Every structure is written in C-alpha cells, then in structure tokens.
C-alpha cells in the first residue's frame, strides 16, 4: 500500500489491544456522530467516545464484543474523557463504518496480537 509507513515489531508490541464488551451506550449532547461507550476491558471499565452513531444504533451496540486500543493517551471530546479507541474499518468515502469484533465467545480483556 503506497504511502503507508512500515513499523518495527517493537513499535507494534507497544500497543495494548484487547477484547472489550460494550455495557452502556449514551448520547453525547450536541454530537451528531459520537456515542459515549462504557466498556468492560477485563480488569475494569473504560469510557470511550466513538464516532459510530450514523452506523450503529444503541441497541445494536449493547453487549457487542469489540476490539479496543487501551493504552492510547486519554483525549477529551465534547467534554467527555475518552480512554481508548475502538477499532473499525471504513469505506473509502468513510460513509460505512464496521466495527472489528471477535468471531467466537472470549472473555473481555483478552489480548489481541
């Protein structure tokens, strides 16, 4: 893929990627695309803001097991501190977003490698 930087394994190994289960989905006041998600990452719960509202309803998200980058520096979006990032694939025009999920039952907090 043209223009994509190659990283060393040591760079990849710094990422803490885990399975998380969505336990709560909330609207964020004034945000057209963002949800506030409460996820179980095995050793506790995290709040993550995600711009997936145009693609998923609250009901579709509840209980879904997703893939989350947990050691990303916290960032405040619309007054909500987001402590991680869910992983998703998007179409070239970014109109379609699909969450990365697991294909079999596995505990929240399981490491992805």
N, C-alpha and C. Protein backbone atom coordinates (compact mmCIF):
# COMPACT_ATOMS: atom_id res chain seq x y z
N UNK A 1 0.85 -1.17 0.00
CA UNK A 1 0.00 0.00 0.00
C UNK A 1 0.89 1.23 0.00
N UNK A 2 0.70 2.02 -0.98
CA UNK A 2 1.52 3.20 -1.17
C UNK A 2 1.29 4.24 -0.06
N UNK A 3 2.37 4.80 0.42
CA UNK A 3 2.28 5.86 1.42
C UNK A 3 2.13 5.39 2.86
N UNK A 4 2.04 4.08 3.07
CA UNK A 4 1.90 3.55 4.43
C UNK A 4 3.29 3.31 5.01
N UNK A 5 3.52 3.84 6.20
CA UNK A 5 4.81 3.68 6.84
C UNK A 5 4.94 2.28 7.43
N UNK A 6 6.09 1.70 7.27
CA UNK A 6 6.40 0.41 7.85
C UNK A 6 6.92 0.65 9.27
N UNK A 7 6.42 -0.15 10.22
CA UNK A 7 6.89 -0.04 11.60
C UNK A 7 7.63 -1.31 11.98
N UNK A 8 8.42 -1.22 13.02
CA UNK A 8 9.14 -2.39 13.53
C UNK A 8 8.24 -3.12 14.52
N UNK A 9 8.54 -4.40 14.74
CA UNK A 9 7.76 -5.20 15.68
C UNK A 9 7.74 -4.53 17.06
N UNK A 10 8.83 -3.94 17.44
CA UNK A 10 8.92 -3.28 18.75
C UNK A 10 7.88 -2.17 18.88
N UNK A 11 7.58 -1.48 17.77
CA UNK A 11 6.54 -0.45 17.79
C UNK A 11 5.17 -1.08 17.99
N UNK A 12 4.90 -2.16 17.25
CA UNK A 12 3.62 -2.85 17.37
C UNK A 12 3.43 -3.39 18.78
N UNK A 13 4.49 -3.92 19.38
CA UNK A 13 4.39 -4.54 20.70
C UNK A 13 4.04 -3.53 21.80
N UNK A 14 4.14 -2.25 21.52
CA UNK A 14 3.77 -1.21 22.49
C UNK A 14 2.25 -1.04 22.59
N UNK A 15 1.53 -1.53 21.60
CA UNK A 15 0.08 -1.38 21.58
C UNK A 15 -0.58 -2.43 22.49
N UNK A 16 -1.47 -1.98 23.35
CA UNK A 16 -2.24 -2.89 24.19
C UNK A 16 -3.64 -2.97 23.60
N UNK A 17 -3.87 -4.02 22.82
CA UNK A 17 -5.14 -4.20 22.12
C UNK A 17 -5.87 -5.35 22.79
N UNK A 18 -7.14 -5.11 23.18
CA UNK A 18 -7.89 -6.10 23.93
C UNK A 18 -9.33 -6.22 23.44
N UNK A 19 -9.93 -7.34 23.78
CA UNK A 19 -11.36 -7.53 23.56
C UNK A 19 -12.09 -6.77 24.67
N UNK A 20 -13.12 -6.05 24.30
CA UNK A 20 -13.94 -5.31 25.27
C UNK A 20 -15.41 -5.58 24.98
N UNK A 21 -16.21 -5.57 26.03
CA UNK A 21 -17.65 -5.75 25.86
C UNK A 21 -18.35 -4.44 26.18
N UNK A 22 -19.21 -4.01 25.27
CA UNK A 22 -19.94 -2.76 25.47
C UNK A 22 -21.06 -3.00 26.48
N UNK A 23 -21.03 -2.22 27.56
CA UNK A 23 -22.03 -2.37 28.63
C UNK A 23 -23.04 -1.23 28.67
N UNK A 24 -22.66 -0.08 28.14
CA UNK A 24 -23.56 1.07 28.17
C UNK A 24 -23.27 1.97 26.97
N UNK A 25 -24.32 2.50 26.37
CA UNK A 25 -24.20 3.41 25.23
C UNK A 25 -25.02 4.65 25.55
N UNK A 26 -24.38 5.82 25.50
CA UNK A 26 -25.07 7.07 25.83
C UNK A 26 -24.88 8.10 24.72
N UNK A 27 -25.88 8.95 24.58
CA UNK A 27 -25.78 10.09 23.68
C UNK A 27 -24.83 11.11 24.30
N UNK A 28 -24.14 11.87 23.47
CA UNK A 28 -23.34 13.00 23.93
C UNK A 28 -24.01 14.24 23.41
N UNK A 29 -24.39 15.11 24.31
CA UNK A 29 -25.14 16.31 23.94
C UNK A 29 -24.41 17.11 22.87
N UNK A 30 -25.13 17.42 21.80
CA UNK A 30 -24.60 18.24 20.72
C UNK A 30 -23.73 17.49 19.72
N UNK A 31 -23.59 16.17 19.89
CA UNK A 31 -22.73 15.39 18.99
C UNK A 31 -23.58 14.57 18.02
N UNK A 32 -23.38 14.81 16.74
CA UNK A 32 -24.13 14.08 15.71
C UNK A 32 -23.58 12.68 15.46
N UNK A 33 -22.27 12.49 15.67
CA UNK A 33 -21.64 11.22 15.32
C UNK A 33 -21.15 10.42 16.53
N UNK A 34 -20.97 11.08 17.65
CA UNK A 34 -20.33 10.43 18.80
C UNK A 34 -21.30 9.75 19.76
N UNK A 35 -20.89 8.58 20.23
CA UNK A 35 -21.51 7.92 21.37
C UNK A 35 -20.49 7.89 22.50
N UNK A 36 -20.97 7.88 23.70
CA UNK A 36 -20.14 7.61 24.87
C UNK A 36 -20.40 6.16 25.24
N UNK A 37 -19.36 5.33 25.15
CA UNK A 37 -19.48 3.90 25.43
C UNK A 37 -18.80 3.59 26.76
N UNK A 38 -19.42 2.77 27.56
CA UNK A 38 -18.77 2.19 28.73
C UNK A 38 -18.48 0.75 28.38
N UNK A 39 -17.19 0.39 28.42
CA UNK A 39 -16.78 -0.96 28.03
C UNK A 39 -16.06 -1.66 29.17
N UNK A 40 -16.24 -2.97 29.23
CA UNK A 40 -15.53 -3.82 30.17
C UNK A 40 -14.29 -4.33 29.45
N UNK A 41 -13.10 -4.02 29.98
CA UNK A 41 -11.87 -4.49 29.34
C UNK A 41 -11.18 -5.57 30.19
N UNK A 42 -11.95 -6.24 31.02
CA UNK A 42 -11.43 -7.36 31.80
C UNK A 42 -11.00 -6.98 33.20
N UNK A 43 -10.13 -5.99 33.32
CA UNK A 43 -9.67 -5.57 34.64
C UNK A 43 -10.32 -4.28 35.10
N UNK A 44 -11.40 -3.92 34.47
CA UNK A 44 -12.13 -2.71 34.83
C UNK A 44 -12.94 -2.19 33.66
N UNK A 45 -13.55 -1.05 33.90
CA UNK A 45 -14.39 -0.43 32.87
C UNK A 45 -13.71 0.83 32.36
N UNK A 46 -14.00 1.17 31.13
CA UNK A 46 -13.45 2.37 30.49
C UNK A 46 -14.56 3.11 29.78
N UNK A 47 -14.37 4.41 29.65
CA UNK A 47 -15.23 5.23 28.81
C UNK A 47 -14.48 5.51 27.52
N UNK A 48 -15.17 5.26 26.41
CA UNK A 48 -14.60 5.51 25.09
C UNK A 48 -15.62 6.29 24.28
N UNK A 49 -15.18 7.36 23.63
CA UNK A 49 -16.03 8.10 22.70
C UNK A 49 -15.76 7.55 21.30
N UNK A 50 -16.83 7.30 20.56
CA UNK A 50 -16.66 6.72 19.23
C UNK A 50 -17.62 7.36 18.24
N UNK A 51 -17.11 7.73 17.08
CA UNK A 51 -17.90 8.38 16.03
C UNK A 51 -18.60 7.36 15.15
N UNK A 52 -19.46 6.54 15.75
CA UNK A 52 -20.13 5.46 15.02
C UNK A 52 -21.65 5.60 15.02
N UNK A 53 -22.14 6.71 15.52
CA UNK A 53 -23.58 6.91 15.64
C UNK A 53 -24.33 6.79 14.31
N UNK A 54 -23.79 7.30 13.19
CA UNK A 54 -24.50 7.15 11.92
C UNK A 54 -24.62 5.70 11.44
N UNK A 55 -23.78 4.81 12.00
CA UNK A 55 -23.72 3.44 11.52
C UNK A 55 -24.32 2.39 12.45
N UNK A 56 -24.49 2.74 13.72
CA UNK A 56 -24.99 1.77 14.70
C UNK A 56 -25.99 2.43 15.65
N UNK A 57 -27.05 1.70 15.95
CA UNK A 57 -27.99 2.16 16.97
C UNK A 57 -27.48 1.72 18.34
N UNK A 58 -28.03 2.30 19.38
CA UNK A 58 -27.66 1.90 20.74
C UNK A 58 -27.90 0.41 20.95
N UNK A 59 -29.05 -0.06 20.49
CA UNK A 59 -29.41 -1.46 20.68
C UNK A 59 -28.43 -2.40 19.97
N UNK A 60 -27.97 -2.02 18.79
CA UNK A 60 -27.01 -2.86 18.05
C UNK A 60 -25.68 -2.98 18.79
N UNK A 61 -25.34 -1.97 19.56
CA UNK A 61 -24.04 -1.94 20.24
C UNK A 61 -24.03 -2.66 21.59
N UNK A 62 -25.16 -2.65 22.28
CA UNK A 62 -25.21 -3.23 23.63
C UNK A 62 -24.78 -4.70 23.62
N UNK A 63 -23.80 -5.03 24.47
CA UNK A 63 -23.34 -6.40 24.61
C UNK A 63 -22.37 -6.87 23.55
N UNK A 64 -22.11 -6.03 22.55
CA UNK A 64 -21.20 -6.41 21.46
C UNK A 64 -19.77 -6.46 21.98
N UNK A 65 -19.04 -7.49 21.56
CA UNK A 65 -17.62 -7.59 21.90
C UNK A 65 -16.82 -7.00 20.75
N UNK A 66 -16.02 -6.00 21.09
CA UNK A 66 -15.27 -5.23 20.10
C UNK A 66 -13.78 -5.29 20.43
N UNK A 67 -12.98 -4.71 19.56
CA UNK A 67 -11.54 -4.64 19.76
C UNK A 67 -11.17 -3.19 20.09
N UNK A 68 -10.39 -3.03 21.18
CA UNK A 68 -10.08 -1.69 21.69
C UNK A 68 -8.58 -1.53 21.92
N UNK A 69 -8.05 -0.39 21.50
CA UNK A 69 -6.69 0.01 21.85
C UNK A 69 -6.78 0.68 23.22
N UNK A 70 -6.19 0.06 24.25
CA UNK A 70 -6.41 0.55 25.62
C UNK A 70 -5.35 1.50 26.13
N UNK A 71 -4.17 1.52 25.54
CA UNK A 71 -3.11 2.37 26.09
C UNK A 71 -2.86 3.64 25.27
N UNK A 72 -3.91 4.11 24.62
CA UNK A 72 -3.84 5.39 23.92
C UNK A 72 -3.99 6.51 24.94
N UNK A 73 -3.25 7.58 24.76
CA UNK A 73 -3.34 8.73 25.66
C UNK A 73 -4.79 9.23 25.71
N UNK A 74 -5.34 9.49 26.91
CA UNK A 74 -6.73 9.98 27.01
C UNK A 74 -6.92 11.28 26.24
N UNK A 75 -8.13 11.46 25.73
CA UNK A 75 -8.48 12.66 24.96
C UNK A 75 -9.89 13.07 25.33
N UNK A 76 -10.13 14.36 25.47
CA UNK A 76 -11.45 14.85 25.82
C UNK A 76 -12.19 15.29 24.56
N UNK A 77 -13.36 14.69 24.35
CA UNK A 77 -14.21 15.01 23.20
C UNK A 77 -15.57 15.45 23.71
N UNK A 78 -15.99 16.65 23.35
CA UNK A 78 -17.29 17.17 23.78
C UNK A 78 -17.47 17.07 25.30
N UNK A 79 -16.38 17.31 26.03
CA UNK A 79 -16.44 17.31 27.48
C UNK A 79 -16.37 15.93 28.13
N UNK A 80 -16.18 14.88 27.33
CA UNK A 80 -16.11 13.52 27.85
C UNK A 80 -14.69 12.99 27.63
N UNK A 81 -14.06 12.49 28.71
CA UNK A 81 -12.72 11.93 28.56
C UNK A 81 -12.82 10.51 27.97
N UNK A 82 -12.18 10.31 26.83
CA UNK A 82 -12.15 9.02 26.16
C UNK A 82 -10.82 8.36 26.50
N UNK A 83 -10.88 7.14 27.04
CA UNK A 83 -9.68 6.43 27.49
C UNK A 83 -9.45 5.17 26.67
N UNK A 84 -9.34 5.34 25.37
CA UNK A 84 -9.08 4.23 24.47
C UNK A 84 -9.71 4.52 23.12
N UNK A 85 -9.54 3.58 22.20
CA UNK A 85 -10.11 3.74 20.86
C UNK A 85 -10.57 2.38 20.36
N UNK A 86 -11.82 2.33 19.91
CA UNK A 86 -12.27 1.08 19.31
C UNK A 86 -11.72 1.01 17.90
N UNK A 87 -11.54 -0.19 17.40
CA UNK A 87 -11.01 -0.38 16.07
C UNK A 87 -12.15 -0.71 15.11
N UNK A 88 -12.10 -0.09 13.94
CA UNK A 88 -13.14 -0.26 12.93
C UNK A 88 -12.53 -0.12 11.55
N UNK A 89 -13.22 -0.68 10.57
CA UNK A 89 -12.84 -0.49 9.17
C UNK A 89 -13.85 0.46 8.56
N UNK A 90 -13.39 1.27 7.61
CA UNK A 90 -14.32 2.19 6.96
C UNK A 90 -14.13 2.16 5.45
N UNK A 91 -15.21 2.45 4.75
CA UNK A 91 -15.16 2.51 3.29
C UNK A 91 -14.30 3.70 2.87
N UNK A 92 -13.89 3.72 1.60
CA UNK A 92 -13.03 4.78 1.09
C UNK A 92 -13.63 6.17 1.31
N UNK A 93 -14.96 6.28 1.20
CA UNK A 93 -15.61 7.58 1.41
C UNK A 93 -16.00 7.80 2.87
N UNK A 94 -15.65 6.85 3.73
CA UNK A 94 -15.90 6.91 5.18
C UNK A 94 -17.38 6.97 5.55
N UNK A 95 -18.27 6.61 4.63
CA UNK A 95 -19.69 6.61 4.94
C UNK A 95 -20.12 5.32 5.64
N UNK A 96 -19.40 4.25 5.37
CA UNK A 96 -19.70 2.97 6.02
C UNK A 96 -18.58 2.65 7.01
N UNK A 97 -18.96 2.37 8.24
CA UNK A 97 -18.01 2.00 9.28
C UNK A 97 -18.45 0.67 9.86
N UNK A 98 -17.49 -0.26 9.99
CA UNK A 98 -17.78 -1.59 10.51
C UNK A 98 -16.82 -1.87 11.66
N UNK A 99 -17.38 -2.21 12.82
CA UNK A 99 -16.57 -2.49 13.99
C UNK A 99 -15.81 -3.80 13.83
N UNK A 100 -14.59 -3.85 14.35
CA UNK A 100 -13.86 -5.11 14.42
C UNK A 100 -14.38 -5.85 15.65
N UNK A 101 -14.77 -7.09 15.45
CA UNK A 101 -15.33 -7.90 16.53
C UNK A 101 -14.64 -9.26 16.54
N UNK A 102 -15.01 -10.10 17.49
CA UNK A 102 -14.48 -11.46 17.57
C UNK A 102 -15.51 -12.42 16.97
N UNK A 103 -15.04 -13.54 16.44
CA UNK A 103 -15.97 -14.48 15.80
C UNK A 103 -16.38 -15.64 16.70
N UNK A 104 -15.92 -15.61 17.94
CA UNK A 104 -16.28 -16.64 18.91
C UNK A 104 -16.27 -16.00 20.29
N UNK A 105 -16.93 -16.64 21.25
CA UNK A 105 -17.02 -16.05 22.57
C UNK A 105 -15.67 -16.11 23.28
N UNK A 106 -15.24 -14.99 23.80
CA UNK A 106 -13.98 -14.88 24.54
C UNK A 106 -14.17 -13.79 25.60
N UNK A 107 -13.47 -13.94 26.69
CA UNK A 107 -13.62 -13.01 27.82
C UNK A 107 -13.14 -11.60 27.49
N UNK A 108 -13.86 -10.58 28.01
CA UNK A 108 -13.33 -9.22 27.91
C UNK A 108 -11.95 -9.15 28.57
N UNK A 109 -11.08 -8.40 27.97
CA UNK A 109 -9.71 -8.26 28.49
C UNK A 109 -8.72 -9.16 27.78
N UNK A 110 -9.22 -10.11 26.98
CA UNK A 110 -8.30 -10.98 26.25
C UNK A 110 -7.45 -10.15 25.30
N UNK A 111 -6.17 -10.44 25.28
CA UNK A 111 -5.23 -9.68 24.44
C UNK A 111 -5.37 -10.05 22.97
N UNK A 112 -5.21 -9.07 22.13
CA UNK A 112 -5.21 -9.26 20.68
C UNK A 112 -3.77 -9.08 20.23
N UNK A 113 -3.29 -10.02 19.44
CA UNK A 113 -1.89 -9.91 18.97
C UNK A 113 -1.79 -10.36 17.53
